N, C-alpha and C. Protein backbone atom coordinates (compact mmCIF):
# COMPACT_ATOMS: atom_id res chain seq x y z
N UNK A 1 3.40 21.39 13.81
CA UNK A 1 2.43 19.88 13.66
C UNK A 1 2.45 19.31 12.54
N UNK A 2 2.29 18.09 12.38
CA UNK A 2 2.20 17.30 11.40
C UNK A 2 0.52 16.46 11.50
N UNK A 3 -0.07 16.94 12.62
CA UNK A 3 -1.61 16.57 12.59
C UNK A 3 -2.36 16.82 11.58
N UNK A 4 -2.31 17.91 10.93
CA UNK A 4 -3.14 18.22 9.96
C UNK A 4 -2.92 17.43 7.92
N UNK A 5 -1.66 17.17 8.00
CA UNK A 5 -1.59 16.14 7.13
C UNK A 5 -1.91 14.59 7.17
N UNK A 6 -2.26 14.35 8.49
CA UNK A 6 -2.70 13.12 8.18
C UNK A 6 -4.16 12.66 7.87
N UNK A 7 -4.93 13.96 8.50
CA UNK A 7 -6.03 14.29 8.10
C UNK A 7 -6.62 14.25 6.66
N UNK A 8 -5.79 15.33 6.12
CA UNK A 8 -5.53 15.31 4.23
C UNK A 8 -5.62 14.15 3.79
N UNK A 9 -4.60 13.52 4.18
CA UNK A 9 -4.01 11.92 3.53
C UNK A 9 -5.04 11.06 3.59
N UNK A 10 -5.98 11.15 5.14
CA UNK A 10 -7.25 10.34 5.11
C UNK A 10 -8.62 10.48 4.30
N UNK A 11 -8.50 11.77 4.03
CA UNK A 11 -9.79 12.15 3.43
C UNK A 11 -9.62 11.86 1.80
N UNK A 12 -8.32 11.75 1.51
CA UNK A 12 -8.18 11.57 -0.07
C UNK A 12 -8.27 9.84 -0.31
N UNK A 13 -8.32 9.20 0.41
CA UNK A 13 -8.20 7.86 0.37
C UNK A 13 -9.64 7.17 -0.12
N UNK A 14 -9.33 5.98 -0.65
CA UNK A 14 -10.68 5.40 -0.68
C UNK A 14 -10.65 4.08 -0.55
N UNK A 15 -9.55 3.79 0.18
CA UNK A 15 -9.42 2.49 0.69
C UNK A 15 -9.68 2.15 2.18
N UNK A 16 -10.24 1.16 2.34
CA UNK A 16 -10.37 0.50 3.55
C UNK A 16 -9.86 -0.77 4.17
N UNK A 17 -9.39 -0.90 5.16
CA UNK A 17 -8.55 -2.05 5.82
C UNK A 17 -9.31 -3.05 6.48
N UNK A 18 -9.38 -4.30 6.43
CA UNK A 18 -9.50 -5.11 7.66
C UNK A 18 -8.42 -5.70 8.08
N UNK A 19 -8.17 -5.62 9.38
CA UNK A 19 -6.98 -6.06 9.68
C UNK A 19 -7.27 -6.65 10.86
N UNK A 20 -6.48 -7.81 11.34
CA UNK A 20 -6.26 -8.93 12.64
C UNK A 20 -6.49 -10.03 12.16
N UNK A 21 -6.43 -10.78 10.83
CA UNK A 21 -6.79 -12.11 10.49
C UNK A 21 -5.15 -12.47 11.33
N UNK A 22 -5.57 -13.92 11.48
CA UNK A 22 -4.30 -14.85 11.85
C UNK A 22 -3.39 -14.67 10.49
N UNK A 23 -2.06 -14.39 11.04
CA UNK A 23 -0.82 -14.48 10.04
C UNK A 23 -0.99 -15.71 8.75
N UNK A 24 -0.79 -15.51 7.86
CA UNK A 24 -1.02 -16.79 6.70
C UNK A 24 -2.40 -16.97 6.46
N UNK A 25 -3.39 -16.00 6.61
CA UNK A 25 -4.59 -16.65 6.32
C UNK A 25 -5.01 -16.54 4.79
N UNK A 26 -5.46 -17.74 4.05
CA UNK A 26 -5.46 -17.58 3.01
C UNK A 26 -6.49 -16.09 2.34
N UNK A 27 -5.95 -15.78 1.05
CA UNK A 27 -6.75 -14.67 0.51
C UNK A 27 -8.10 -15.01 0.24
N UNK A 28 -8.32 -16.13 -0.46
CA UNK A 28 -9.56 -16.37 -0.77
C UNK A 28 -10.80 -16.22 0.55
N UNK A 29 -10.39 -16.54 1.70
CA UNK A 29 -10.88 -16.71 2.95
C UNK A 29 -11.22 -15.08 3.27
N UNK A 30 -10.06 -14.37 3.33
CA UNK A 30 -10.10 -12.95 3.69
C UNK A 30 -11.33 -12.24 2.67
N UNK A 31 -10.95 -12.71 1.55
CA UNK A 31 -11.74 -11.78 0.50
C UNK A 31 -13.18 -12.13 0.72
N UNK A 32 -13.67 -13.21 1.00
CA UNK A 32 -14.97 -13.68 1.43
C UNK A 32 -15.32 -13.27 2.35
N UNK A 33 -14.60 -13.24 3.30
CA UNK A 33 -15.22 -12.53 4.79
C UNK A 33 -15.59 -11.03 4.75
N UNK A 34 -14.69 -9.94 3.94
CA UNK A 34 -14.73 -9.10 3.58
C UNK A 34 -15.87 -8.44 2.67
N UNK A 35 -15.98 -9.52 1.27
CA UNK A 35 -17.14 -9.29 0.69
C UNK A 35 -18.29 -9.47 1.38
N UNK A 36 -18.86 -10.47 2.57
CA UNK A 36 -19.90 -10.98 3.24
C UNK A 36 -20.22 -9.38 3.99
N UNK A 37 -18.63 -8.42 4.49
CA UNK A 37 -19.39 -7.44 5.18
C UNK A 37 -19.65 -6.19 4.45
N UNK A 38 -19.55 -6.38 3.30
CA UNK A 38 -19.70 -5.05 2.16
C UNK A 38 -21.07 -5.49 1.74
N UNK A 39 -22.05 -6.42 2.17
CA UNK A 39 -23.38 -6.81 1.78
C UNK A 39 -24.23 -5.51 1.96
N UNK A 40 -24.61 -5.50 0.63
CA UNK A 40 -25.66 -3.96 0.77
C UNK A 40 -25.05 -2.93 0.06
N UNK A 41 -23.53 -2.89 -0.30
CA UNK A 41 -22.88 -1.85 -0.83
C UNK A 41 -22.99 -2.09 -2.58
N UNK A 42 -23.75 -1.10 -3.21
CA UNK A 42 -23.58 -1.29 -4.53
C UNK A 42 -22.43 -1.82 -5.00
N UNK A 43 -22.38 -2.93 -6.16
CA UNK A 43 -21.37 -3.24 -6.60
C UNK A 43 -20.34 -2.10 -7.41
N UNK A 44 -21.34 -1.36 -7.87
CA UNK A 44 -20.51 -0.32 -8.91
C UNK A 44 -19.62 0.63 -7.95
N UNK A 45 -19.99 0.76 -6.45
CA UNK A 45 -19.33 1.43 -5.68
C UNK A 45 -17.88 0.81 -5.04
N UNK A 46 -17.71 -0.26 -5.47
CA UNK A 46 -16.59 -1.26 -5.11
C UNK A 46 -15.58 -1.53 -6.36
N UNK A 47 -14.05 -0.87 -6.06
CA UNK A 47 -13.29 -0.98 -7.29
C UNK A 47 -12.78 -2.32 -6.89
N UNK A 48 -12.20 -2.66 -5.86
CA UNK A 48 -11.51 -3.92 -5.64
C UNK A 48 -11.47 -4.44 -4.44
N UNK A 49 -11.52 -5.75 -3.93
CA UNK A 49 -11.00 -6.42 -2.99
C UNK A 49 -10.29 -7.29 -2.71
N UNK A 50 -9.05 -7.01 -2.16
CA UNK A 50 -7.82 -7.79 -2.40
C UNK A 50 -7.07 -8.03 -0.98
N UNK A 51 -6.04 -8.63 -1.11
CA UNK A 51 -4.98 -8.84 -0.18
C UNK A 51 -3.69 -8.74 -0.61
N UNK A 52 -2.37 -8.36 0.06
CA UNK A 52 -1.20 -8.16 -0.45
C UNK A 52 -0.49 -9.01 -0.96
N UNK A 53 -0.88 -10.43 -0.28
CA UNK A 53 -0.24 -11.58 -0.41
C UNK A 53 -1.23 -12.94 -0.67
N UNK A 54 -0.88 -13.65 -1.03
CA UNK A 54 -1.80 -14.94 -1.09
C UNK A 54 -2.54 -15.52 0.18
N UNK A 55 -1.09 -15.20 1.31
CA UNK A 55 -1.53 -15.53 2.76
C UNK A 55 -1.28 -14.49 3.26
N UNK A 56 -2.45 -13.68 3.94
CA UNK A 56 -2.03 -12.64 4.72
C UNK A 56 -2.95 -12.17 5.77
N UNK A 57 -2.64 -11.28 6.54
CA UNK A 57 -3.09 -10.89 7.80
C UNK A 57 -4.35 -9.84 7.75
N UNK A 58 -4.50 -8.79 6.29
CA UNK A 58 -5.47 -8.26 6.52
C UNK A 58 -5.99 -8.11 4.67
N UNK A 59 -7.22 -7.56 4.88
CA UNK A 59 -8.28 -7.50 3.48
C UNK A 59 -8.07 -6.01 3.36
N UNK A 60 -8.47 -5.70 2.03
CA UNK A 60 -8.41 -4.15 1.83
C UNK A 60 -9.78 -4.37 0.71
N UNK A 61 -10.25 -3.11 0.85
CA UNK A 61 -11.39 -2.75 0.02
C UNK A 61 -10.76 -1.38 -0.48
N UNK A 62 -10.93 -1.25 -2.12
CA UNK A 62 -10.89 -0.05 -2.71
C UNK A 62 -12.12 0.26 -3.18
N UNK A 63 -12.82 1.62 -2.81
CA UNK A 63 -14.04 2.05 -3.29
C UNK A 63 -13.93 2.79 -4.64
N UNK A 64 -14.73 3.05 -5.65
CA UNK A 64 -14.60 3.79 -6.55
C UNK A 64 -14.42 5.25 -6.25
N UNK A 65 -14.79 5.78 -5.37
CA UNK A 65 -14.82 7.06 -4.95
C UNK A 65 -14.45 7.46 -3.13
N UNK A 66 -13.89 8.76 -2.81
CA UNK A 66 -13.90 8.71 -1.80
C UNK A 66 -15.03 8.81 -0.74
N UNK A 67 -15.80 9.52 -1.69
CA UNK A 67 -17.18 9.71 -0.91
C UNK A 67 -17.88 8.51 -0.68
N UNK A 68 -17.91 6.94 -1.70
CA UNK A 68 -18.24 5.88 -1.47
C UNK A 68 -17.63 5.43 -0.26
N UNK A 69 -16.78 5.16 -0.03
CA UNK A 69 -15.86 4.75 1.11
C UNK A 69 -16.33 5.38 2.33
N UNK A 70 -16.64 6.79 2.32
CA UNK A 70 -17.12 7.50 3.62
C UNK A 70 -18.46 6.79 3.90
N UNK A 71 -18.79 6.97 2.58
CA UNK A 71 -20.68 6.60 3.19
C UNK A 71 -20.61 5.19 3.51
N UNK A 72 -19.64 4.46 3.36
CA UNK A 72 -19.53 2.98 3.77
C UNK A 72 -19.20 2.99 5.42
N UNK A 73 -18.23 4.07 5.51
CA UNK A 73 -17.69 4.01 7.50
C UNK A 73 -18.69 4.56 7.67
N UNK A 74 -19.34 5.61 7.28
CA UNK A 74 -20.19 6.05 8.41
C UNK A 74 -21.74 5.58 8.63
N UNK A 75 -22.13 4.65 7.45
CA UNK A 75 -23.16 3.69 7.54
C UNK A 75 -23.04 2.70 8.34
N UNK A 76 -21.85 2.21 8.50
CA UNK A 76 -21.35 1.29 9.28
C UNK A 76 -20.77 1.63 10.63
N UNK A 77 -21.08 3.13 10.93
CA UNK A 77 -20.45 3.38 12.47
C UNK A 77 -20.78 2.47 13.33
N UNK A 78 -19.82 2.03 14.58
CA UNK A 78 -20.34 1.60 15.60
C UNK A 78 -20.01 0.07 15.30
N UNK A 79 -19.98 -0.16 13.81
CA UNK A 79 -19.74 -1.91 13.42
C UNK A 79 -18.52 -2.05 12.75
N UNK A 80 -17.24 -1.49 13.44
CA UNK A 80 -16.23 -1.71 12.80
C UNK A 80 -15.08 -2.78 13.35
N UNK A 81 -15.74 -3.55 13.93
CA UNK A 81 -15.02 -4.63 14.99
C UNK A 81 -15.87 -5.84 14.60
N UNK A 82 -15.36 -6.68 14.06
CA UNK A 82 -15.93 -8.20 13.91
C UNK A 82 -15.10 -9.36 14.12
N UNK A 83 -15.74 -10.51 14.34
CA UNK A 83 -14.95 -11.64 14.95
C UNK A 83 -14.89 -12.82 13.65
N UNK A 84 -13.72 -12.96 13.53
CA UNK A 84 -13.35 -13.77 12.21
C UNK A 84 -12.37 -15.36 13.26
N UNK A 85 -12.99 -16.51 13.12
CA UNK A 85 -12.36 -17.41 13.90
C UNK A 85 -11.86 -16.93 15.15
N UNK A 86 -12.60 -16.31 15.96
CA UNK A 86 -11.80 -15.90 17.44
C UNK A 86 -10.89 -14.57 17.19
N UNK A 87 -10.59 -14.32 15.85
CA UNK A 87 -9.62 -12.87 16.27
C UNK A 87 -10.36 -11.79 15.75
N UNK A 88 -10.25 -10.58 16.47
CA UNK A 88 -11.10 -9.39 16.25
C UNK A 88 -10.33 -8.86 14.84
N UNK A 89 -11.40 -8.42 14.26
CA UNK A 89 -10.82 -7.90 12.92
C UNK A 89 -11.56 -6.25 12.85
N UNK A 90 -10.37 -5.42 12.93
CA UNK A 90 -11.21 -4.38 13.16
C UNK A 90 -10.93 -3.32 11.34
N UNK A 91 -11.75 -2.44 11.22
CA UNK A 91 -12.06 -1.88 9.82
C UNK A 91 -11.62 -0.47 10.11
N UNK A 92 -10.87 0.10 9.20
CA UNK A 92 -10.25 1.43 9.45
C UNK A 92 -9.93 1.87 8.24
N UNK A 93 -9.70 3.36 8.11
CA UNK A 93 -9.12 3.93 6.81
C UNK A 93 -7.59 4.10 6.78
N UNK A 94 -7.02 4.41 7.96
CA UNK A 94 -5.61 4.68 7.59
C UNK A 94 -4.80 3.54 6.83
N UNK A 95 -3.73 4.19 6.24
CA UNK A 95 -2.65 3.20 5.58
C UNK A 95 -2.03 2.45 6.63
N UNK A 96 -1.86 1.21 6.50
CA UNK A 96 -0.90 0.65 7.12
C UNK A 96 0.56 1.14 7.44
N UNK A 97 1.15 1.12 8.19
CA UNK A 97 2.65 1.61 8.20
C UNK A 97 3.68 1.06 7.57
N UNK A 98 3.53 -0.58 7.28
CA UNK A 98 4.43 -1.23 6.56
C UNK A 98 4.15 -1.24 4.93
N UNK A 99 2.91 -0.55 4.69
CA UNK A 99 2.85 -0.28 3.26
C UNK A 99 3.32 1.26 2.90
N UNK A 100 2.81 1.96 4.04
CA UNK A 100 3.11 3.35 3.49
C UNK A 100 4.86 3.50 3.42
N UNK A 101 5.53 2.66 4.18
CA UNK A 101 6.90 2.78 4.13
C UNK A 101 7.40 2.05 2.81
N UNK A 102 6.80 0.95 2.48
CA UNK A 102 7.46 0.40 1.42
C UNK A 102 6.80 1.32 -0.30
N UNK A 103 5.71 2.00 -0.06
CA UNK A 103 5.45 2.85 -1.60
C UNK A 103 6.48 3.79 -1.19
N UNK A 104 6.81 4.50 -0.13
CA UNK A 104 7.79 5.61 0.03
C UNK A 104 9.07 5.16 -0.54
N UNK A 105 9.49 3.82 -0.07
CA UNK A 105 10.69 3.52 -0.53
C UNK A 105 10.88 3.26 -1.95
N UNK A 106 9.68 3.06 -2.97
CA UNK A 106 9.61 2.90 -4.27
C UNK A 106 10.05 4.02 -4.75
N UNK A 107 9.05 5.25 -4.22
CA UNK A 107 9.09 6.46 -4.89
C UNK A 107 10.49 6.97 -4.77
N UNK A 108 11.30 6.84 -3.44
CA UNK A 108 12.48 7.45 -3.60
C UNK A 108 13.59 6.60 -4.54
N UNK A 109 13.37 5.24 -4.62
CA UNK A 109 14.24 4.68 -5.59
C UNK A 109 14.09 5.26 -7.20
N UNK A 110 12.53 5.51 -7.31
CA UNK A 110 12.53 5.95 -8.83
C UNK A 110 13.34 7.56 -8.76
N UNK A 111 12.83 8.34 -7.52
CA UNK A 111 13.51 9.54 -7.62
C UNK A 111 15.09 9.53 -7.74
N UNK A 112 15.79 8.75 -6.94
CA UNK A 112 17.08 8.46 -7.13
C UNK A 112 17.79 8.10 -8.47
N UNK A 113 17.09 7.40 -8.92
CA UNK A 113 17.43 6.98 -10.44
C UNK A 113 17.31 8.62 -11.15
N UNK A 114 16.17 9.20 -11.07
CA UNK A 114 16.22 10.17 -12.04
C UNK A 114 17.10 11.12 -11.86
N UNK A 115 17.18 11.20 -10.38
CA UNK A 115 18.20 12.19 -10.03
C UNK A 115 19.79 12.02 -10.37
N UNK A 116 19.91 10.76 -10.42
CA UNK A 116 21.07 10.18 -10.84
C UNK A 116 21.72 10.25 -12.20
N UNK A 117 20.66 10.66 -12.73
CA UNK A 117 20.62 10.28 -14.17
C UNK A 117 20.28 11.34 -15.33
N UNK A 118 20.48 12.76 -14.57
CA UNK A 118 20.49 13.77 -15.59
C UNK A 118 19.06 14.50 -14.87
N UNK A 119 18.23 14.17 -14.02
CA UNK A 119 17.01 14.72 -13.38
C UNK A 119 16.02 14.87 -14.49
N UNK A 120 15.85 14.36 -15.78
CA UNK A 120 15.05 14.51 -16.61
C UNK A 120 13.61 13.51 -16.53
N UNK A 121 13.14 13.64 -15.32
CA UNK A 121 12.08 12.79 -15.15
C UNK A 121 10.97 12.17 -15.81
N UNK A 122 10.55 12.76 -17.10
CA UNK A 122 9.94 12.17 -18.01
C UNK A 122 10.66 11.07 -18.91
N UNK A 123 11.92 11.48 -19.32
CA UNK A 123 12.79 10.63 -19.77
C UNK A 123 13.05 9.59 -19.07
N UNK A 124 13.99 9.43 -18.01
CA UNK A 124 13.96 8.40 -17.29
C UNK A 124 12.70 7.71 -17.15
N UNK A 125 11.67 7.73 -16.77
CA UNK A 125 10.59 7.17 -15.92
C UNK A 125 10.03 6.17 -17.37
N UNK A 126 10.44 6.38 -18.44
CA UNK A 126 10.07 5.36 -19.55
C UNK A 126 10.96 4.38 -19.45
N UNK A 127 11.82 4.12 -18.79
CA UNK A 127 13.00 3.20 -18.43
C UNK A 127 12.68 2.59 -17.25
N UNK A 128 11.65 3.10 -16.09
CA UNK A 128 11.51 2.39 -15.17
C UNK A 128 10.10 1.71 -15.06
N UNK A 129 10.04 0.65 -14.78
CA UNK A 129 8.57 0.29 -14.06
C UNK A 129 8.83 0.06 -12.63
N UNK A 130 7.80 0.36 -12.04
CA UNK A 130 7.95 0.04 -10.27
C UNK A 130 6.15 -0.39 -10.02
N UNK A 131 6.50 -1.12 -9.12
CA UNK A 131 5.12 -1.94 -8.28
C UNK A 131 5.20 -1.43 -6.87
N UNK A 132 4.47 -0.28 -6.52
CA UNK A 132 4.68 0.27 -5.24
C UNK A 132 3.82 -0.94 -4.42
N UNK A 133 2.98 -1.60 -4.56
CA UNK A 133 2.13 -2.69 -3.70
C UNK A 133 3.04 -3.75 -3.14
N UNK A 134 4.25 -3.99 -4.21
CA UNK A 134 5.32 -5.47 -4.06
C UNK A 134 6.66 -4.75 -3.73
N UNK A 135 6.66 -3.44 -3.57
CA UNK A 135 8.16 -3.03 -3.31
C UNK A 135 9.09 -3.39 -4.21
N UNK A 136 8.74 -3.37 -5.64
CA UNK A 136 9.55 -3.81 -6.61
C UNK A 136 10.05 -2.68 -7.84
N UNK A 137 11.29 -2.53 -8.23
CA UNK A 137 11.34 -1.53 -9.39
C UNK A 137 12.52 -2.11 -10.25
N UNK A 138 12.18 -1.99 -11.50
CA UNK A 138 13.16 -2.51 -12.73
C UNK A 138 13.43 -0.84 -13.64
N UNK A 139 14.51 -1.01 -13.82
CA UNK A 139 15.12 -0.11 -14.85
C UNK A 139 15.73 -0.81 -15.72
N UNK A 140 15.54 -0.18 -16.98
CA UNK A 140 16.34 -0.88 -18.21
C UNK A 140 15.79 -2.60 -17.97
N UNK A 141 14.80 -2.77 -17.82
CA UNK A 141 14.70 -4.18 -17.86
C UNK A 141 15.24 -5.09 -16.69
N UNK A 142 15.97 -4.55 -15.81
CA UNK A 142 16.92 -5.21 -14.89
C UNK A 142 15.94 -4.91 -13.76
N UNK A 143 15.66 -5.73 -12.89
CA UNK A 143 15.45 -5.61 -11.31
C UNK A 143 16.44 -4.94 -10.43
N UNK A 144 16.03 -3.72 -10.23
CA UNK A 144 17.33 -2.62 -9.57
C UNK A 144 16.66 -2.52 -7.94
N UNK A 145 15.38 -3.16 -7.27
CA UNK A 145 15.40 -2.53 -6.10
C UNK A 145 14.37 -3.41 -5.80
N UNK A 146 14.15 -4.33 -4.42
CA UNK A 146 13.10 -5.17 -3.74
C UNK A 146 13.14 -4.72 -2.43
N UNK A 147 11.99 -4.45 -1.95
CA UNK A 147 11.61 -4.62 -0.44
C UNK A 147 11.70 -5.69 0.44
N UNK A 148 12.50 -5.61 1.30
CA UNK A 148 12.50 -7.04 2.17
C UNK A 148 11.49 -6.67 3.04
N UNK A 149 10.92 -7.76 3.34
CA UNK A 149 9.24 -7.45 4.38
C UNK A 149 9.76 -7.92 5.60
N UNK A 150 10.86 -8.78 6.03
CA UNK A 150 11.42 -9.03 7.38
C UNK A 150 12.21 -7.79 7.84
N UNK A 151 12.95 -7.25 7.36
CA UNK A 151 13.69 -6.02 7.80
C UNK A 151 13.17 -4.66 7.37
N UNK A 152 11.96 -4.71 6.70
CA UNK A 152 11.65 -3.89 6.22
C UNK A 152 12.01 -2.75 5.63
N UNK A 153 13.43 -2.99 4.66
CA UNK A 153 14.29 -2.11 4.12
C UNK A 153 13.95 -2.25 2.68
N UNK A 154 14.60 -1.40 2.08
CA UNK A 154 14.61 -1.41 0.40
C UNK A 154 16.20 -1.75 0.30
N UNK A 155 16.54 -2.95 -0.73
CA UNK A 155 17.38 -3.26 -1.12
C UNK A 155 17.92 -2.85 -2.59
N UNK A 156 18.73 -2.08 -2.96
CA UNK A 156 19.02 -1.79 -4.44
C UNK A 156 19.79 -2.80 -4.67
N UNK A 157 19.93 -3.05 -6.29
CA UNK A 157 20.39 -4.24 -6.90
C UNK A 157 20.80 -3.65 -8.16
N UNK A 158 21.79 -4.66 -8.81
CA UNK A 158 22.43 -4.17 -10.18
C UNK A 158 22.96 -3.14 -10.46
N UNK A 159 22.16 -2.40 -11.46
CA UNK A 159 22.83 -1.23 -12.00
C UNK A 159 22.45 0.09 -10.86
N UNK A 160 21.74 -0.17 -9.99
CA UNK A 160 20.85 0.83 -9.03
C UNK A 160 22.19 0.60 -7.79
N UNK A 161 22.51 -0.14 -7.57
CA UNK A 161 23.52 -0.67 -6.38
C UNK A 161 24.35 0.80 -5.93
N UNK A 162 24.91 0.97 -7.09
CA UNK A 162 25.95 2.40 -6.66
C UNK A 162 25.47 3.58 -6.19
N UNK A 163 24.18 3.41 -6.55
CA UNK A 163 22.93 5.09 -5.80
C UNK A 163 22.72 4.61 -4.56
N UNK A 164 22.97 3.55 -3.76
CA UNK A 164 22.50 3.44 -2.45
C UNK A 164 22.86 4.61 -1.48
N UNK A 165 24.03 5.38 -1.64
CA UNK A 165 24.51 6.42 -1.07
C UNK A 165 23.33 7.37 -0.89
N UNK A 166 22.89 8.01 -2.13
CA UNK A 166 21.94 9.09 -2.22
C UNK A 166 20.61 8.37 -2.26
N UNK A 167 20.28 7.27 -2.15
CA UNK A 167 18.97 6.72 -1.97
C UNK A 167 19.08 6.82 -0.35
N UNK A 168 19.80 6.55 0.31
CA UNK A 168 19.68 6.82 1.64
C UNK A 168 19.69 8.02 2.27
N UNK A 169 20.27 9.09 1.65
CA UNK A 169 19.90 10.70 1.98
C UNK A 169 18.53 10.88 1.51
N UNK A 170 18.18 10.15 0.76
CA UNK A 170 16.56 11.16 0.28
C UNK A 170 15.52 10.13 0.96
N UNK A 171 16.13 8.73 1.79
CA UNK A 171 14.77 8.26 2.66
C UNK A 171 15.19 9.19 3.90
N UNK A 172 16.14 9.38 4.00
CA UNK A 172 16.37 10.12 5.73
C UNK A 172 16.17 11.64 5.65
N UNK A 173 15.58 12.41 4.58
CA UNK A 173 15.21 13.66 4.31
C UNK A 173 13.62 13.69 4.31
N UNK A 174 13.22 12.40 4.39
CA UNK A 174 11.41 12.45 4.79
C UNK A 174 11.04 12.63 3.36
């Protein structure tokens, strides 16, 4: 079973998600709301408060340490549901599935490029730039992959397009 792996992943996290905002809520409104819920938490313990897009449906807090994150979650135990303009906002630690899928797809694109170019990760990685949060990959200064939010799939472009078969094999092998 895969039950334990999920717990391990969760324990290593420093990130808390505030989910449930209406679609296309302005980033500033989400960040303000999240910061209000962090009142009393030392600023030194908070690495960042952000959203994934300028208009979003979730806010994210990254703490400086895993311990700081768990202290916040335990301290606020029983108070992880909030109201925002009639919407129920849930606070939790697990990674949202679409983000996990996007970041995994970026990792697999990078691995595909490395494997299709001799397997020397250190050398090939010098020519790759990846943005895991936005689902973008550049190779030799050309955009070669982008995440499609609608279909939740990665599209290989340009020089990497010929590697689609290998990429799909890696994606399907988990």
